[in-house]
Amino acid sequence: MLLDSDAESDVAYELCQVVGRSILPYRSSDDDQHYGTAFFFQGGDDPVGESLLTAADLVGTPGGELGLRTSVTEPAGVAPAAVSEVGIVPGWARFPGDGVAVLPTAGLHRLAGDGGWRWRVQPVPAGIAAGPEVVARLGADAGSAFVLAHGVREDGSRPLEVAIERVVRDGDAVRITTELPQGYVGAPVFAVQLDSSGELSPYCLGLVLPGVGEHPVATFDRIRAVLPATPRDI
């Protein structure tokens, strides 16, 4: 669905309020220095269903780290500026065929507890993860898309940003029609559609994959397919 610019601004603001604290900056190992974004997803009411999601291409080598904004941890001033993925168990599970990497968050919560702090996040809830019927309503006509990501500024800072772009579907493929800035790979992509009462409802279509000139989107049907196979604590 294509919105006018005022409506797009309203949706972007609302998404930041609702899921802004789900999103973290990611940096891969010192050797390749790839920058991207990861986000928390809550697959159900059970806390075991919480995962961190990003693009598989970002996490192929050890030594990556997650940046921490002050708004995603408590109490203030206790958590570090970043946490290394080394030693987080279970670690990332990569599914290159789907473009997705999944990190069950049990290890992240243990890491926080050992350090005397807690996560204060707003996971993207399962209720707004786009199902096949939402994806099927996308078409060749461009619709409004909202990408919440941590870009990379010239001074190296990683602020939370919202890019308002266009999304289309061509057969089974969903894509963002422009090339996104550095740091946006792995970020969640949102769209809006009318619900049964005629109100606008937001949906998380999936996450941004690497691309040149445009970006494929790993939609939630692909993400859901790999979540049950993700290693968990026993």
C-alpha atoms as a PDB file:
ATOM      1  CA  MET A   1       0.000   0.000   0.000  1.00  0.00           C
ATOM      2  CA  LEU A   2       1.413   3.371  -1.022  1.00  0.00           C
ATOM      3  CA  LEU A   3       0.832   6.158   1.507  1.00  0.00           C
ATOM      4  CA  ASP A   4       1.175   9.907   1.144  1.00  0.00           C
ATOM      5  CA  SER A   5       4.204  11.545   2.756  1.00  0.00           C
ATOM      6  CA  ASP A   6       2.363  12.728   5.885  1.00  0.00           C
ATOM      7  CA  ALA A   7       0.949   9.269   6.552  1.00  0.00           C
ATOM      8  CA  GLU A   8       4.382   7.725   5.970  1.00  0.00           C
ATOM      9  CA  SER A   9       5.889  10.073   8.565  1.00  0.00           C
ATOM     10  CA  ASP A  10       3.167   9.111  11.068  1.00  0.00           C
ATOM     11  CA  VAL A  11       3.774   5.393  10.533  1.00  0.00           C
ATOM     12  CA  ALA A  12       7.540   5.806  10.837  1.00  0.00           C
ATOM     13  CA  TYR A  13       7.124   7.645  14.142  1.00  0.00           C
ATOM     14  CA  GLU A  14       4.730   5.025  15.501  1.00  0.00           C
ATOM     15  CA  LEU A  15       7.036   2.143  14.552  1.00  0.00           C
ATOM     16  CA  CYS A  16       9.915   3.795  16.412  1.00  0.00           C
ATOM     17  CA  GLN A  17       7.744   4.007  19.520  1.00  0.00           C
ATOM     18  CA  VAL A  18       6.501   0.429  19.326  1.00  0.00           C
ATOM     19  CA  VAL A  19       9.564  -1.556  18.206  1.00  0.00           C
ATOM     20  CA  GLY A  20      12.449   0.919  18.314  1.00  0.00           C
ATOM     21  CA  ARG A  21      14.055  -0.870  21.250  1.00  0.00           C
ATOM     22  CA  SER A  22      14.086  -4.181  19.385  1.00  0.00           C
ATOM     23  CA  ILE A  23      16.904  -3.027  17.129  1.00  0.00           C
ATOM     24  CA  LEU A  24      20.681  -3.238  17.667  1.00  0.00           C
ATOM     25  CA  PRO A  25      23.705  -2.280  15.554  1.00  0.00           C
ATOM     26  CA  TYR A  26      25.872  -5.220  14.520  1.00  0.00           C
ATOM     27  CA  ARG A  27      29.505  -5.272  13.394  1.00  0.00           C
ATOM     28  CA  SER A  28      31.147  -8.402  12.054  1.00  0.00           C
ATOM     29  CA  SER A  29      34.711  -9.469  12.845  1.00  0.00           C
ATOM     30  CA  ASP A  30      37.700  -7.128  12.745  1.00  0.00           C
ATOM     31  CA  ASP A  31      38.911  -8.905   9.588  1.00  0.00           C
ATOM     32  CA  ASP A  32      35.997  -8.015   7.308  1.00  0.00           C
ATOM     33  CA  GLN A  33      34.302  -5.097   9.124  1.00  0.00           C
ATOM     34  CA  HIS A  34      30.794  -5.569   7.769  1.00  0.00           C
ATOM     35  CA  TYR A  35      28.154  -3.388   9.402  1.00  0.00           C
ATOM     36  CA  GLY A  36      24.526  -4.340   9.747  1.00  0.00           C
ATOM     37  CA  THR A  37      21.504  -4.434  12.008  1.00  0.00           C
ATOM     38  CA  ALA A  38      19.928  -7.150  14.146  1.00  0.00           C
ATOM     39  CA  PHE A  39      16.547  -7.173  15.857  1.00  0.00           C
ATOM     40  CA  PHE A  40      14.730  -9.052  18.606  1.00  0.00           C
ATOM     41  CA  PHE A  41      11.717 -11.144  17.584  1.00  0.00           C
ATOM     42  CA  GLN A  42       9.259 -12.722  20.003  1.00  0.00           C
ATOM     43  CA  GLY A  43       7.819 -15.852  18.427  1.00  0.00           C
ATOM     44  CA  GLY A  44       5.108 -16.389  21.054  1.00  0.00           C
ATOM     45  CA  ASP A  45       4.170 -15.878  24.682  1.00  0.00           C
ATOM     46  CA  ASP A  46       6.900 -18.250  25.874  1.00  0.00           C
ATOM     47  CA  PRO A  47      10.196 -16.378  26.545  1.00  0.00           C
ATOM     48  CA  VAL A  48      12.023 -19.338  24.974  1.00  0.00           C
ATOM     49  CA  GLY A  49      10.596 -18.137  21.670  1.00  0.00           C
ATOM     50  CA  GLU A  50      12.623 -14.920  21.714  1.00  0.00           C
ATOM     51  CA  SER A  51      15.385 -14.694  19.101  1.00  0.00           C
ATOM     52  CA  LEU A  52      17.732 -12.153  17.599  1.00  0.00           C
ATOM     53  CA  LEU A  53      17.527 -12.067  13.793  1.00  0.00           C
ATOM     54  CA  THR A  54      19.826 -10.713  11.106  1.00  0.00           C
ATOM     55  CA  ALA A  55      21.163 -11.554   7.638  1.00  0.00           C
ATOM     56  CA  ALA A  56      23.260 -14.730   7.341  1.00  0.00           C
ATOM     57  CA  ASP A  57      25.981 -12.944   5.350  1.00  0.00           C
ATOM     58  CA  LEU A  58      26.857 -10.778   8.345  1.00  0.00           C
ATOM     59  CA  VAL A  59      27.705 -13.526  10.816  1.00  0.00           C
ATOM     60  CA  GLY A  60      29.873 -15.989   8.893  1.00  0.00           C
ATOM     61  CA  THR A  61      33.092 -15.329  10.841  1.00  0.00           C
ATOM     62  CA  PRO A  62      33.695 -15.189  14.616  1.00  0.00           C
ATOM     63  CA  GLY A  63      34.431 -11.965  16.443  1.00  0.00           C
ATOM     64  CA  GLY A  64      31.328  -9.884  15.783  1.00  0.00           C
ATOM     65  CA  GLU A  65      29.732  -7.588  18.318  1.00  0.00           C
ATOM     66  CA  LEU A  66      26.373  -6.060  19.141  1.00  0.00           C
ATOM     67  CA  GLY A  67      26.192  -2.405  20.051  1.00  0.00           C
ATOM     68  CA  LEU A  68      24.047  -1.361  23.007  1.00  0.00           C
ATOM     69  CA  ARG A  69      22.089   1.878  23.131  1.00  0.00           C
ATOM     70  CA  THR A  70      21.382   3.182  26.626  1.00  0.00           C
ATOM     71  CA  SER A  71      17.650   2.781  26.000  1.00  0.00           C
ATOM     72  CA  VAL A  72      17.846  -1.022  25.615  1.00  0.00           C
ATOM     73  CA  THR A  73      19.436  -1.839  28.988  1.00  0.00           C
ATOM     74  CA  GLU A  74      18.831  -1.104  32.662  1.00  0.00           C
ATOM     75  CA  PRO A  75      19.910   0.113  35.193  1.00  0.00           C
ATOM     76  CA  ALA A  76      21.580   3.081  33.546  1.00  0.00           C
ATOM     77  CA  GLY A  77      25.347   3.149  33.279  1.00  0.00           C
ATOM     78  CA  VAL A  78      26.005  -0.554  34.002  1.00  0.00           C
ATOM     79  CA  ALA A  79      25.941  -2.295  30.597  1.00  0.00           C
ATOM     80  CA  PRO A  80      28.945  -1.947  28.258  1.00  0.00           C
ATOM     81  CA  ALA A  81      28.761  -0.056  24.975  1.00  0.00           C
ATOM     82  CA  ALA A  82      28.938  -3.360  23.047  1.00  0.00           C
ATOM     83  CA  VAL A  83      28.961  -7.091  23.708  1.00  0.00           C
ATOM     84  CA  SER A  84      31.045  -9.624  21.827  1.00  0.00           C
ATOM     85  CA  GLU A  85      29.279 -12.650  20.382  1.00  0.00           C
ATOM     86  CA  VAL A  86      32.235 -14.811  21.480  1.00  0.00           C
ATOM     87  CA  GLY A  87      31.108 -16.976  24.377  1.00  0.00           C
ATOM     88  CA  ILE A  88      27.375 -16.475  23.824  1.00  0.00           C
ATOM     89  CA  VAL A  89      25.801 -19.944  23.951  1.00  0.00           C
ATOM     90  CA  PRO A  90      23.856 -20.940  21.956  1.00  0.00           C
ATOM     91  CA  GLY A  91      25.421 -18.879  19.206  1.00  0.00           C
ATOM     92  CA  TRP A  92      24.218 -17.844  15.782  1.00  0.00           C
ATOM     93  CA  ALA A  93      22.569 -20.459  13.599  1.00  0.00           C
ATOM     94  CA  ARG A  94      23.066 -19.558   9.911  1.00  0.00           C
ATOM     95  CA  PHE A  95      20.669 -20.543   7.157  1.00  0.00           C
ATOM     96  CA  PRO A  96      22.395 -19.232   4.004  1.00  0.00           C
ATOM     97  CA  GLY A  97      19.778 -20.685   1.671  1.00  0.00           C
ATOM     98  CA  ASP A  98      17.187 -18.451   3.290  1.00  0.00           C
ATOM     99  CA  GLY A  99      19.562 -15.558   3.957  1.00  0.00           C
ATOM    100  CA  VAL A 100      18.747 -15.590   7.675  1.00  0.00           C
ATOM    101  CA  ALA A 101      20.762 -15.958  10.891  1.00  0.00           C
ATOM    102  CA  VAL A 102      19.068 -16.663  14.224  1.00  0.00           C
ATOM    103  CA  LEU A 103      20.464 -16.235  17.742  1.00  0.00           C
ATOM    104  CA  PRO A 104      18.297 -17.591  20.594  1.00  0.00           C
ATOM    105  CA  THR A 105      18.535 -14.943  23.312  1.00  0.00           C
ATOM    106  CA  ALA A 106      19.117 -17.190  26.341  1.00  0.00           C
ATOM    107  CA  GLY A 107      22.855 -16.500  26.167  1.00  0.00           C
ATOM    108  CA  LEU A 108      22.285 -12.757  25.854  1.00  0.00           C
ATOM    109  CA  HIS A 109      20.142 -12.746  28.992  1.00  0.00           C
ATOM    110  CA  ARG A 110      22.738 -14.788  30.905  1.00  0.00           C
ATOM    111  CA  LEU A 111      25.443 -12.362  29.792  1.00  0.00           C
ATOM    112  CA  ALA A 112      23.419  -9.434  31.081  1.00  0.00           C
ATOM    113  CA  GLY A 113      22.670 -11.132  34.400  1.00  0.00           C
ATOM    114  CA  ASP A 114      26.335 -11.966  34.949  1.00  0.00           C
ATOM    115  CA  GLY A 115      27.175  -8.303  34.322  1.00  0.00           C
ATOM    116  CA  GLY A 116      24.562  -6.924  36.707  1.00  0.00           C
ATOM    117  CA  TRP A 117      22.220  -5.467  34.097  1.00  0.00           C
ATOM    118  CA  ARG A 118      19.058  -6.427  32.185  1.00  0.00           C
ATOM    119  CA  TRP A 119      17.785  -6.104  28.656  1.00  0.00           C
ATOM    120  CA  ARG A 120      14.983  -3.550  28.202  1.00  0.00           C
ATOM    121  CA  VAL A 121      13.841  -4.328  24.689  1.00  0.00           C
ATOM    122  CA  GLN A 122      10.628  -4.305  22.649  1.00  0.00           C
ATOM    123  CA  PRO A 123      10.808  -7.424  20.457  1.00  0.00           C
ATOM    124  CA  VAL A 124       8.925  -7.390  17.192  1.00  0.00           C
ATOM    125  CA  PRO A 125       5.874  -9.486  18.192  1.00  0.00           C
ATOM    126  CA  ALA A 126       4.693 -12.525  16.299  1.00  0.00           C
ATOM    127  CA  GLY A 127       1.313 -10.847  15.846  1.00  0.00           C
ATOM    128  CA  ILE A 128       2.674  -8.348  13.305  1.00  0.00           C
ATOM    129  CA  ALA A 129       5.007 -10.760  11.478  1.00  0.00           C
ATOM    130  CA  ALA A 130       3.595 -10.935   7.962  1.00  0.00           C
ATOM    131  CA  GLY A 131       1.922 -14.186   7.014  1.00  0.00           C
ATOM    132  CA  PRO A 132       1.581 -15.508   3.446  1.00  0.00           C
ATOM    133  CA  GLU A 133      -1.677 -13.618   2.947  1.00  0.00           C
ATOM    134  CA  VAL A 134       0.005 -10.290   3.733  1.00  0.00           C
ATOM    135  CA  VAL A 135       2.860 -11.012   1.334  1.00  0.00           C
ATOM    136  CA  ALA A 136       0.379 -12.125  -1.337  1.00  0.00           C
ATOM    137  CA  ARG A 137      -1.306  -8.715  -1.222  1.00  0.00           C
ATOM    138  CA  LEU A 138       1.946  -7.054  -2.282  1.00  0.00           C
ATOM    139  CA  GLY A 139       2.286  -6.591  -6.010  1.00  0.00           C
ATOM    140  CA  ALA A 140       4.280  -5.045  -8.818  1.00  0.00           C
ATOM    141  CA  ASP A 141       2.965  -1.599  -7.897  1.00  0.00           C
ATOM    142  CA  ALA A 142       5.288  -0.048  -5.337  1.00  0.00           C
ATOM    143  CA  GLY A 143       4.076   0.230  -1.762  1.00  0.00           C
ATOM    144  CA  SER A 144       5.470   2.145   1.203  1.00  0.00           C
ATOM    145  CA  ALA A 145       8.171   0.333   3.163  1.00  0.00           C
ATOM    146  CA  PHE A 146       9.799   1.339   6.442  1.00  0.00           C
ATOM    147  CA  VAL A 147      13.259   0.070   7.366  1.00  0.00           C
ATOM    148  CA  LEU A 148      14.409   0.609  10.969  1.00  0.00           C
ATOM    149  CA  ALA A 149      18.169   0.277  11.088  1.00  0.00           C
ATOM    150  CA  HIS A 150      21.419   1.489  12.560  1.00  0.00           C
ATOM    151  CA  GLY A 151      23.248   3.350   9.837  1.00  0.00           C
ATOM    152  CA  VAL A 152      26.942   4.219   9.883  1.00  0.00           C
ATOM    153  CA  ARG A 153      27.880   7.896  10.151  1.00  0.00           C
ATOM    154  CA  GLU A 154      31.218   9.356   9.035  1.00  0.00           C
ATOM    155  CA  ASP A 155      32.330   9.594  12.678  1.00  0.00           C
ATOM    156  CA  GLY A 156      31.591   5.882  13.181  1.00  0.00           C
ATOM    157  CA  SER A 157      28.448   6.418  15.262  1.00  0.00           C
ATOM    158  CA  ARG A 158      25.480   4.083  14.715  1.00  0.00           C
ATOM    159  CA  PRO A 159      22.231   6.014  15.284  1.00  0.00           C
ATOM    160  CA  LEU A 160      18.819   4.444  14.917  1.00  0.00           C
ATOM    161  CA  GLU A 161      17.308   5.599  11.615  1.00  0.00           C
ATOM    162  CA  VAL A 162      14.143   5.063   9.600  1.00  0.00           C
ATOM    163  CA  ALA A 163      14.364   4.824   5.821  1.00  0.00           C
ATOM    164  CA  ILE A 164      11.046   5.252   4.010  1.00  0.00           C
ATOM    165  CA  GLU A 165      11.377   3.308   0.768  1.00  0.00           C
ATOM    166  CA  ARG A 166       9.320   1.338  -1.748  1.00  0.00           C
ATOM    167  CA  VAL A 167       8.633  -2.400  -1.765  1.00  0.00           C
ATOM    168  CA  VAL A 168       7.368  -4.623  -4.589  1.00  0.00           C
ATOM    169  CA  ARG A 169       6.674  -8.324  -5.114  1.00  0.00           C
ATOM    170  CA  ASP A 170       7.623 -10.189  -8.289  1.00  0.00           C
ATOM    171  CA  GLY A 171       6.379 -13.756  -8.038  1.00  0.00           C
ATOM    172  CA  ASP A 172       7.769 -15.133  -4.785  1.00  0.00           C
ATOM    173  CA  ALA A 173      10.425 -12.416  -4.520  1.00  0.00           C
ATOM    174  CA  VAL A 174       9.923  -9.316  -2.373  1.00  0.00           C
ATOM    175  CA  ARG A 175      12.411  -6.485  -2.668  1.00  0.00           C
ATOM    176  CA  ILE A 176      13.225  -2.918  -1.674  1.00  0.00           C
ATOM    177  CA  THR A 177      13.572  -1.000  -4.926  1.00  0.00           C
ATOM    178  CA  THR A 178      16.576   1.168  -3.966  1.00  0.00           C
ATOM    179  CA  GLU A 179      20.019   0.520  -2.513  1.00  0.00           C
ATOM    180  CA  LEU A 180      20.110   1.188   1.209  1.00  0.00           C
ATOM    181  CA  PRO A 181      22.962   2.851   3.135  1.00  0.00           C
ATOM    182  CA  GLN A 182      25.714   0.967   4.936  1.00  0.00           C
ATOM    183  CA  GLY A 183      24.492  -0.734   8.089  1.00  0.00           C
ATOM    184  CA  TYR A 184      20.980  -1.577   6.881  1.00  0.00           C
ATOM    185  CA  VAL A 185      21.505  -5.235   5.947  1.00  0.00           C
ATOM    186  CA  GLY A 186      19.692  -7.438   8.467  1.00  0.00           C
ATOM    187  CA  ALA A 187      17.244  -4.709   9.500  1.00  0.00           C
ATOM    188  CA  PRO A 188      13.489  -5.328   9.773  1.00  0.00           C
ATOM    189  CA  VAL A 189      11.236  -4.140   6.933  1.00  0.00           C
ATOM    190  CA  PHE A 190       7.695  -2.969   7.705  1.00  0.00           C
ATOM    191  CA  ALA A 191       4.678  -2.207   5.539  1.00  0.00           C
ATOM    192  CA  VAL A 192       1.051  -1.283   6.211  1.00  0.00           C
ATOM    193  CA  GLN A 193      -2.184  -2.737   4.892  1.00  0.00           C
ATOM    194  CA  LEU A 194      -5.856  -2.153   5.626  1.00  0.00           C
ATOM    195  CA  ASP A 195      -7.403  -4.540   8.149  1.00  0.00           C
ATOM    196  CA  SER A 196     -10.977  -5.837   8.084  1.00  0.00           C
ATOM    197  CA  SER A 197     -12.271  -2.656   9.727  1.00  0.00           C
ATOM    198  CA  GLY A 198     -10.525  -0.403   7.220  1.00  0.00           C
ATOM    199  CA  GLU A 199      -7.811   0.726   9.628  1.00  0.00           C
ATOM    200  CA  LEU A 200      -4.116   0.757   8.764  1.00  0.00           C
ATOM    201  CA  SER A 201      -2.206  -2.119  10.364  1.00  0.00           C
ATOM    202  CA  PRO A 202       1.594  -2.454  10.383  1.00  0.00           C
ATOM    203  CA  TYR A 203       3.300  -5.696   9.415  1.00  0.00           C
ATOM    204  CA  CYS A 204       6.911  -6.771   9.587  1.00  0.00           C
ATOM    205  CA  LEU A 205       7.586  -8.263   6.170  1.00  0.00           C
ATOM    206  CA  GLY A 206      11.005  -9.689   7.115  1.00  0.00           C
ATOM    207  CA  LEU A 207      14.595  -8.488   6.975  1.00  0.00           C
ATOM    208  CA  VAL A 208      16.905  -6.783   4.492  1.00  0.00           C
ATOM    209  CA  LEU A 209      19.329  -8.976   2.539  1.00  0.00           C
ATOM    210  CA  PRO A 210      22.460  -7.736   0.714  1.00  0.00           C
ATOM    211  CA  GLY A 211      21.931  -6.317  -2.752  1.00  0.00           C
ATOM    212  CA  VAL A 212      23.245  -3.968  -5.412  1.00  0.00           C
ATOM    213  CA  GLY A 213      20.859  -1.286  -6.618  1.00  0.00           C
ATOM    214  CA  GLU A 214      18.027  -2.927  -4.658  1.00  0.00           C
ATOM    215  CA  HIS A 215      17.640  -5.356  -1.764  1.00  0.00           C
ATOM    216  CA  PRO A 216      15.816  -8.685  -1.534  1.00  0.00           C
ATOM    217  CA  VAL A 217      13.731  -9.163   1.605  1.00  0.00           C
ATOM    218  CA  ALA A 218      13.802 -12.457   3.522  1.00  0.00           C
ATOM    219  CA  THR A 219      10.089 -12.652   4.303  1.00  0.00           C
ATOM    220  CA  PHE A 220       8.706 -14.135   7.488  1.00  0.00           C
ATOM    221  CA  ASP A 221       7.590 -17.349   5.809  1.00  0.00           C
ATOM    222  CA  ARG A 222      11.317 -18.079   5.293  1.00  0.00           C
ATOM    223  CA  ILE A 223      12.202 -16.904   8.784  1.00  0.00           C
ATOM    224  CA  ARG A 224       9.491 -18.994  10.466  1.00  0.00           C
ATOM    225  CA  ALA A 225      10.637 -22.061   8.542  1.00  0.00           C
ATOM    226  CA  VAL A 226      14.069 -21.976  10.208  1.00  0.00           C
ATOM    227  CA  LEU A 227      13.119 -20.935  13.738  1.00  0.00           C
ATOM    228  CA  PRO A 228      12.128 -24.458  14.929  1.00  0.00           C
ATOM    229  CA  ALA A 229      15.514 -25.792  13.752  1.00  0.00           C
ATOM    230  CA  THR A 230      17.461 -23.252  15.791  1.00  0.00           C
ATOM    231  CA  PRO A 231      19.612 -24.719  18.600  1.00  0.00           C
ATOM    232  CA  ARG A 232      18.255 -24.004  22.070  1.00  0.00           C
ATOM    233  CA  ASP A 233      19.275 -24.666  25.648  1.00  0.00           C
ATOM    234  CA  ILE A 234      18.460 -28.146  26.924  1.00  0.00           C
END
